[in-house]
PDB file of all heavy atoms in Angstrom:
ATOM      1  N   GLY A   1      75.340  49.817  79.710  1.00  0.00           N
ATOM      2  CA  GLY A   1      75.112  48.598  78.940  1.00  0.00           C
ATOM      3  C   GLY A   1      73.789  47.923  79.200  1.00  0.00           C
ATOM      4  O   GLY A   1      73.412  47.000  78.475  1.00  0.00           O
ATOM      5  N   GLY A   2      73.056  48.337  80.214  1.00  0.00           N
ATOM      6  CA  GLY A   2      71.776  47.712  80.524  1.00  0.00           C
ATOM      7  C   GLY A   2      70.695  48.095  79.523  1.00  0.00           C
ATOM      8  O   GLY A   2      70.647  49.233  79.044  1.00  0.00           O
ATOM      9  N   PHE A   3      69.817  47.124  79.220  1.00  0.00           N
ATOM     10  CA  PHE A   3      68.717  47.380  78.284  1.00  0.00           C
ATOM     11  C   PHE A   3      67.546  47.995  79.034  1.00  0.00           C
ATOM     12  O   PHE A   3      67.118  47.485  80.075  1.00  0.00           O
ATOM     13  CB  PHE A   3      68.291  46.072  77.610  1.00  0.00           C
ATOM     14  CG  PHE A   3      67.117  46.232  76.671  1.00  0.00           C
ATOM     15  CD1 PHE A   3      67.223  47.027  75.541  1.00  0.00           C
ATOM     16  CD2 PHE A   3      65.906  45.591  76.923  1.00  0.00           C
ATOM     17  CE1 PHE A   3      66.153  47.179  74.668  1.00  0.00           C
ATOM     18  CE2 PHE A   3      64.835  45.731  76.057  1.00  0.00           C
ATOM     19  CZ  PHE A   3      64.961  46.527  74.929  1.00  0.00           C
ATOM     20  N   VAL A   4      67.010  49.114  78.511  1.00  0.00           N
ATOM     21  CA  VAL A   4      65.918  49.831  79.160  1.00  0.00           C
ATOM     22  C   VAL A   4      64.577  49.504  78.508  1.00  0.00           C
ATOM     23  O   VAL A   4      63.579  49.239  79.193  1.00  0.00           O
ATOM     24  CB  VAL A   4      66.165  51.349  79.130  1.00  0.00           C
ATOM     25  CG1 VAL A   4      64.976  52.106  79.713  1.00  0.00           C
ATOM     26  CG2 VAL A   4      67.444  51.687  79.891  1.00  0.00           C
ATOM     27  N   GLY A   5      64.523  49.508  77.174  1.00  0.00           N
ATOM     28  CA  GLY A   5      63.268  49.219  76.491  1.00  0.00           C
ATOM     29  C   GLY A   5      63.349  49.576  75.024  1.00  0.00           C
ATOM     30  O   GLY A   5      64.401  49.967  74.508  1.00  0.00           O
ATOM     31  N   ALA A   6      62.214  49.428  74.332  1.00  0.00           N
ATOM     32  CA  ALA A   6      62.136  49.740  72.901  1.00  0.00           C
ATOM     33  C   ALA A   6      60.800  50.420  72.625  1.00  0.00           C
ATOM     34  O   ALA A   6      59.785  50.093  73.249  1.00  0.00           O
ATOM     35  CB  ALA A   6      62.282  48.481  72.060  1.00  0.00           C
ATOM     36  N   TRP A   7      60.815  51.345  71.676  1.00  0.00           N
ATOM     37  CA  TRP A   7      59.629  52.121  71.350  1.00  0.00           C
ATOM     38  C   TRP A   7      59.288  51.968  69.874  1.00  0.00           C
ATOM     39  O   TRP A   7      60.158  51.891  69.024  1.00  0.00           O
ATOM     40  CB  TRP A   7      59.854  53.600  71.623  1.00  0.00           C
ATOM     41  CG  TRP A   7      60.324  53.935  73.002  1.00  0.00           C
ATOM     42  CD1 TRP A   7      60.144  53.216  74.146  1.00  0.00           C
ATOM     43  CD2 TRP A   7      61.070  55.099  73.380  1.00  0.00           C
ATOM     44  NE1 TRP A   7      60.722  53.851  75.205  1.00  0.00           N
ATOM     45  CE2 TRP A   7      61.296  55.010  74.780  1.00  0.00           C
ATOM     46  CE3 TRP A   7      61.549  56.208  72.683  1.00  0.00           C
ATOM     47  CZ2 TRP A   7      61.988  55.990  75.483  1.00  0.00           C
ATOM     48  CZ3 TRP A   7      62.231  57.179  73.380  1.00  0.00           C
ATOM     49  CH2 TRP A   7      62.456  57.074  74.765  1.00  0.00           C
ATOM     50  N   GLY A   8      57.993  51.989  69.586  1.00  0.00           N
ATOM     51  CA  GLY A   8      57.520  52.114  68.219  1.00  0.00           C
ATOM     52  C   GLY A   8      57.372  50.813  67.465  1.00  0.00           C
ATOM     53  O   GLY A   8      57.766  49.737  67.924  1.00  0.00           O
ATOM     54  N   LYS A   9      56.799  50.944  66.286  1.00  0.00           N
ATOM     55  CA  LYS A   9      56.643  49.852  65.333  1.00  0.00           C
ATOM     56  C   LYS A   9      56.511  50.483  63.960  1.00  0.00           C
ATOM     57  O   LYS A   9      56.439  51.719  63.823  1.00  0.00           O
ATOM     58  CB  LYS A   9      55.406  49.028  65.652  1.00  0.00           C
ATOM     59  CG  LYS A   9      54.100  49.817  65.554  1.00  0.00           C
ATOM     60  CD  LYS A   9      52.894  48.935  65.847  1.00  0.00           C
ATOM     61  CE  LYS A   9      51.590  49.731  65.713  1.00  0.00           C
ATOM     62  NZ  LYS A   9      50.403  48.875  65.971  1.00  0.00           N
ATOM     63  N   ARG A  10      56.483  49.651  62.933  1.00  0.00           N
ATOM     64  CA  ARG A  10      56.378  50.212  61.592  1.00  0.00           C
ATOM     65  C   ARG A  10      54.975  50.752  61.350  1.00  0.00           C
ATOM     66  O   ARG A  10      53.979  50.116  61.683  1.00  0.00           O
ATOM     67  CB  ARG A  10      56.718  49.170  60.536  1.00  0.00           C
ATOM     68  CG  ARG A  10      56.809  49.773  59.130  1.00  0.00           C
ATOM     69  CD  ARG A  10      57.389  48.838  58.111  1.00  0.00           C
ATOM     70  NE  ARG A  10      57.743  49.571  56.897  1.00  0.00           N
ATOM     71  CZ  ARG A  10      58.307  49.021  55.824  1.00  0.00           C
ATOM     72  NH1 ARG A  10      58.610  47.725  55.825  1.00  0.00           N
ATOM     73  NH2 ARG A  10      58.603  49.752  54.767  1.00  0.00           N
ATOM     74  N   GLY A  11      54.917  51.951  60.787  1.00  0.00           N
ATOM     75  CA  GLY A  11      53.639  52.565  60.497  1.00  0.00           C
ATOM     76  C   GLY A  11      53.812  54.047  60.250  1.00  0.00           C
ATOM     77  O   GLY A  11      54.928  54.578  60.233  1.00  0.00           O
ATOM     78  N   SER A  12      52.700  54.740  60.069  1.00  0.00           N
ATOM     79  CA  SER A  12      52.727  56.171  59.795  1.00  0.00           C
ATOM     80  C   SER A  12      51.987  56.978  60.860  1.00  0.00           C
ATOM     81  O   SER A  12      51.820  58.190  60.716  1.00  0.00           O
ATOM     82  CB  SER A  12      52.108  56.463  58.419  1.00  0.00           C
ATOM     83  OG  SER A  12      50.772  55.965  58.362  1.00  0.00           O
ATOM     84  N   GLY A  13      51.534  56.305  61.921  1.00  0.00           N
ATOM     85  CA  GLY A  13      50.843  57.007  62.993  1.00  0.00           C
ATOM     86  C   GLY A  13      51.813  57.689  63.940  1.00  0.00           C
ATOM     87  O   GLY A  13      53.039  57.619  63.785  1.00  0.00           O
ATOM     88  N   LYS A  14      51.269  58.343  64.935  1.00  0.00           N
ATOM     89  CA  LYS A  14      52.093  58.999  65.932  1.00  0.00           C
ATOM     90  C   LYS A  14      52.876  57.955  66.725  1.00  0.00           C
ATOM     91  O   LYS A  14      52.307  56.988  67.222  1.00  0.00           O
ATOM     92  CB  LYS A  14      51.230  59.835  66.873  1.00  0.00           C
ATOM     93  CG  LYS A  14      50.502  60.979  66.185  1.00  0.00           C
ATOM     94  CD  LYS A  14      49.613  61.724  67.159  1.00  0.00           C
ATOM     95  CE  LYS A  14      48.908  62.887  66.475  1.00  0.00           C
ATOM     96  NZ  LYS A  14      48.005  63.613  67.407  1.00  0.00           N
ATOM     97  N   GLY A  15      54.181  58.160  66.848  1.00  0.00           N
ATOM     98  CA  GLY A  15      55.014  57.211  67.565  1.00  0.00           C
ATOM     99  C   GLY A  15      55.343  55.963  66.779  1.00  0.00           C
ATOM    100  O   GLY A  15      55.974  55.041  67.317  1.00  0.00           O
ATOM    101  N   GLU A  16      54.938  55.912  65.508  1.00  0.00           N
ATOM    102  CA  GLU A  16      55.303  54.810  64.611  1.00  0.00           C
ATOM    103  C   GLU A  16      56.338  55.318  63.613  1.00  0.00           C
ATOM    104  O   GLU A  16      56.411  56.518  63.326  1.00  0.00           O
ATOM    105  CB  GLU A  16      54.067  54.279  63.888  1.00  0.00           C
ATOM    106  CG  GLU A  16      53.021  53.701  64.819  1.00  0.00           C
ATOM    107  CD  GLU A  16      51.767  53.246  64.102  1.00  0.00           C
ATOM    108  OE1 GLU A  16      51.562  53.640  62.928  1.00  0.00           O
ATOM    109  OE2 GLU A  16      50.974  52.505  64.716  1.00  0.00           O
ATOM    110  N   PHE A  17      57.126  54.387  63.073  1.00  0.00           N
ATOM    111  CA  PHE A  17      58.256  54.791  62.239  1.00  0.00           C
ATOM    112  C   PHE A  17      58.325  53.977  60.957  1.00  0.00           C
ATOM    113  O   PHE A  17      57.861  52.838  60.892  1.00  0.00           O
ATOM    114  CB  PHE A  17      59.572  54.612  63.009  1.00  0.00           C
ATOM    115  CG  PHE A  17      59.579  55.271  64.356  1.00  0.00           C
ATOM    116  CD1 PHE A  17      59.463  54.522  65.518  1.00  0.00           C
ATOM    117  CD2 PHE A  17      59.686  56.645  64.473  1.00  0.00           C
ATOM    118  CE1 PHE A  17      59.462  55.113  66.763  1.00  0.00           C
ATOM    119  CE2 PHE A  17      59.680  57.259  65.714  1.00  0.00           C
ATOM    120  CZ  PHE A  17      59.569  56.489  66.869  1.00  0.00           C
ATOM    121  N   ASN A  18      58.935  54.597  59.962  1.00  0.00           N
ATOM    122  CA  ASN A  18      59.197  53.930  58.694  1.00  0.00           C
ATOM    123  C   ASN A  18      60.635  54.266  58.301  1.00  0.00           C
ATOM    124  O   ASN A  18      60.900  55.328  57.762  1.00  0.00           O
ATOM    125  CB  ASN A  18      58.207  54.412  57.628  1.00  0.00           C
ATOM    126  CG  ASN A  18      58.274  53.595  56.353  1.00  0.00           C
ATOM    127  OD1 ASN A  18      58.773  52.473  56.343  1.00  0.00           O
ATOM    128  ND2 ASN A  18      57.782  54.157  55.265  1.00  0.00           N
ATOM    129  N   PHE A  19      61.530  53.370  58.643  1.00  0.00           N
ATOM    130  CA  PHE A  19      62.967  53.550  58.426  1.00  0.00           C
ATOM    131  C   PHE A  19      63.507  54.779  59.165  1.00  0.00           C
ATOM    132  O   PHE A  19      63.980  55.737  58.544  1.00  0.00           O
ATOM    133  CB  PHE A  19      63.307  53.635  56.936  1.00  0.00           C
ATOM    134  CG  PHE A  19      63.003  52.381  56.174  1.00  0.00           C
ATOM    135  CD1 PHE A  19      61.840  52.283  55.416  1.00  0.00           C
ATOM    136  CD2 PHE A  19      63.852  51.292  56.227  1.00  0.00           C
ATOM    137  CE1 PHE A  19      61.536  51.112  54.721  1.00  0.00           C
ATOM    138  CE2 PHE A  19      63.564  50.123  55.530  1.00  0.00           C
ATOM    139  CZ  PHE A  19      62.406  50.035  54.781  1.00  0.00           C
ATOM    140  N   PRO A  20      63.467  54.764  60.491  1.00  0.00           N
ATOM    141  CA  PRO A  20      64.108  55.848  61.240  1.00  0.00           C
ATOM    142  C   PRO A  20      65.624  55.779  61.058  1.00  0.00           C
ATOM    143  O   PRO A  20      66.202  54.699  61.076  1.00  0.00           O
ATOM    144  CB  PRO A  20      63.706  55.553  62.688  1.00  0.00           C
ATOM    145  CG  PRO A  20      63.508  54.071  62.721  1.00  0.00           C
ATOM    146  CD  PRO A  20      62.932  53.718  61.378  1.00  0.00           C
ATOM    147  N   THR A  21      66.254  56.931  60.872  1.00  0.00           N
ATOM    148  CA  THR A  21      67.680  56.909  60.534  1.00  0.00           C
ATOM    149  C   THR A  21      68.568  57.653  61.518  1.00  0.00           C
ATOM    150  O   THR A  21      69.658  57.189  61.833  1.00  0.00           O
ATOM    151  CB  THR A  21      67.911  57.500  59.134  1.00  0.00           C
ATOM    152  OG1 THR A  21      67.316  58.808  59.071  1.00  0.00           O
ATOM    153  CG2 THR A  21      67.317  56.613  58.054  1.00  0.00           C
ATOM    154  N   ASN A  22      68.158  58.825  61.970  1.00  0.00           N
ATOM    155  CA  ASN A  22      69.051  59.632  62.793  1.00  0.00           C
ATOM    156  C   ASN A  22      68.311  60.241  63.972  1.00  0.00           C
ATOM    157  O   ASN A  22      67.082  60.423  63.923  1.00  0.00           O
ATOM    158  CB  ASN A  22      69.703  60.736  61.954  1.00  0.00           C
ATOM    159  CG  ASN A  22      70.709  60.176  60.965  1.00  0.00           C
ATOM    160  OD1 ASN A  22      71.872  59.967  61.281  1.00  0.00           O
ATOM    161  ND2 ASN A  22      70.252  59.911  59.745  1.00  0.00           N
ATOM    162  N   LEU A  23      69.071  60.559  65.028  1.00  0.00           N
ATOM    163  CA  LEU A  23      68.492  61.008  66.285  1.00  0.00           C
ATOM    164  C   LEU A  23      69.226  62.230  66.828  1.00  0.00           C
ATOM    165  O   LEU A  23      70.407  62.431  66.551  1.00  0.00           O
ATOM    166  CB  LEU A  23      68.571  59.894  67.335  1.00  0.00           C
ATOM    167  CG  LEU A  23      67.984  58.530  66.983  1.00  0.00           C
ATOM    168  CD1 LEU A  23      68.319  57.518  68.077  1.00  0.00           C
ATOM    169  CD2 LEU A  23      66.480  58.626  66.774  1.00  0.00           C
ATOM    170  N   ALA A  24      68.502  63.015  67.624  1.00  0.00           N
ATOM    171  CA  ALA A  24      69.113  64.134  68.350  1.00  0.00           C
ATOM    172  C   ALA A  24      68.292  64.385  69.602  1.00  0.00           C
ATOM    173  O   ALA A  24      67.136  63.947  69.717  1.00  0.00           O
ATOM    174  CB  ALA A  24      69.160  65.389  67.478  1.00  0.00           C
ATOM    175  N   LEU A  25      68.880  65.081  70.557  1.00  0.00           N
ATOM    176  CA  LEU A  25      68.228  65.393  71.824  1.00  0.00           C
ATOM    177  C   LEU A  25      68.255  66.894  72.067  1.00  0.00           C
ATOM    178  O   LEU A  25      69.207  67.572  71.684  1.00  0.00           O
ATOM    179  CB  LEU A  25      68.941  64.691  72.981  1.00  0.00           C
ATOM    180  CG  LEU A  25      68.809  63.169  73.044  1.00  0.00           C
ATOM    181  CD1 LEU A  25      69.960  62.571  73.824  1.00  0.00           C
ATOM    182  CD2 LEU A  25      67.477  62.766  73.670  1.00  0.00           C
ATOM    183  N   ASP A  26      67.193  67.400  72.730  1.00  0.00           N
ATOM    184  CA  ASP A  26      67.240  68.787  73.169  1.00  0.00           C
ATOM    185  C   ASP A  26      67.639  68.836  74.633  1.00  0.00           C
ATOM    186  O   ASP A  26      67.928  67.805  75.262  1.00  0.00           O
ATOM    187  CB  ASP A  26      65.911  69.507  72.896  1.00  0.00           C
ATOM    188  CG  ASP A  26      64.736  68.939  73.696  1.00  0.00           C
ATOM    189  OD1 ASP A  26      64.957  68.233  74.705  1.00  0.00           O
ATOM    190  OD2 ASP A  26      63.579  69.225  73.313  1.00  0.00           O
ATOM    191  N   ARG A  27      67.672  70.018  75.207  1.00  0.00           N
ATOM    192  CA  ARG A  27      68.167  70.173  76.577  1.00  0.00           C
ATOM    193  C   ARG A  27      67.216  69.592  77.615  1.00  0.00           C
ATOM    194  O   ARG A  27      67.610  69.360  78.758  1.00  0.00           O
ATOM    195  CB  ARG A  27      68.425  71.656  76.861  1.00  0.00           C
ATOM    196  CG  ARG A  27      69.589  72.212  76.054  1.00  0.00           C
ATOM    197  CD  ARG A  27      69.942  73.620  76.468  1.00  0.00           C
ATOM    198  NE  ARG A  27      71.165  74.072  75.809  1.00  0.00           N
ATOM    199  CZ  ARG A  27      71.754  75.233  76.062  1.00  0.00           C
ATOM    200  NH1 ARG A  27      71.228  76.068  76.950  1.00  0.00           N
ATOM    201  NH2 ARG A  27      72.863  75.566  75.429  1.00  0.00           N
ATOM    202  N   GLN A  28      65.969  69.367  77.240  1.00  0.00           N
ATOM    203  CA  GLN A  28      65.013  68.754  78.156  1.00  0.00           C
ATOM    204  C   GLN A  28      65.033  67.237  78.079  1.00  0.00           C
ATOM    205  O   GLN A  28      64.300  66.566  78.801  1.00  0.00           O
ATOM    206  CB  GLN A  28      63.591  69.267  77.853  1.00  0.00           C
ATOM    207  CG  GLN A  28      63.353  70.722  78.230  1.00  0.00           C
ATOM    208  CD  GLN A  28      64.080  71.698  77.319  1.00  0.00           C
ATOM    209  OE1 GLN A  28      64.085  71.547  76.103  1.00  0.00           O
ATOM    210  NE2 GLN A  28      64.724  72.688  77.902  1.00  0.00           N
ATOM    211  N   GLY A  29      65.859  66.694  77.188  1.00  0.00           N
ATOM    212  CA  GLY A  29      65.929  65.252  77.024  1.00  0.00           C
ATOM    213  C   GLY A  29      64.918  64.694  76.056  1.00  0.00           C
ATOM    214  O   GLY A  29      64.768  63.467  75.951  1.00  0.00           O
ATOM    215  N   ASN A  30      64.200  65.563  75.330  1.00  0.00           N
ATOM    216  CA  ASN A  30      63.267  65.081  74.315  1.00  0.00           C
ATOM    217  C   ASN A  30      64.046  64.571  73.108  1.00  0.00           C
ATOM    218  O   ASN A  30      65.068  65.149  72.724  1.00  0.00           O
ATOM    219  CB  ASN A  30      62.316  66.197  73.892  1.00  0.00           C
ATOM    220  CG  ASN A  30      61.461  66.691  75.036  1.00  0.00           C
ATOM    221  OD1 ASN A  30      60.950  65.904  75.825  1.00  0.00           O
ATOM    222  ND2 ASN A  30      61.312  68.007  75.147  1.00  0.00           N
ATOM    223  N   LEU A  31      63.552  63.491  72.533  1.00  0.00           N
ATOM    224  CA  LEU A  31      64.248  62.820  71.440  1.00  0.00           C
ATOM    225  C   LEU A  31      63.630  63.200  70.099  1.00  0.00           C
ATOM    226  O   LEU A  31      62.412  63.097  69.912  1.00  0.00           O
ATOM    227  CB  LEU A  31      64.175  61.304  71.625  1.00  0.00           C
ATOM    228  CG  LEU A  31      64.934  60.459  70.601  1.00  0.00           C
ATOM    229  CD1 LEU A  31      66.442  60.625  70.774  1.00  0.00           C
ATOM    230  CD2 LEU A  31      64.548  58.981  70.738  1.00  0.00           C
TER     231      LEU A  31
END
């Protein structure tokens, strides 16, 4: 339940998002 942090902002650059909808993880923990 603890808050860790938040990533990104609206945009089209690397690490920026425009309506992110779904997520998945690989075995290395990459998102």
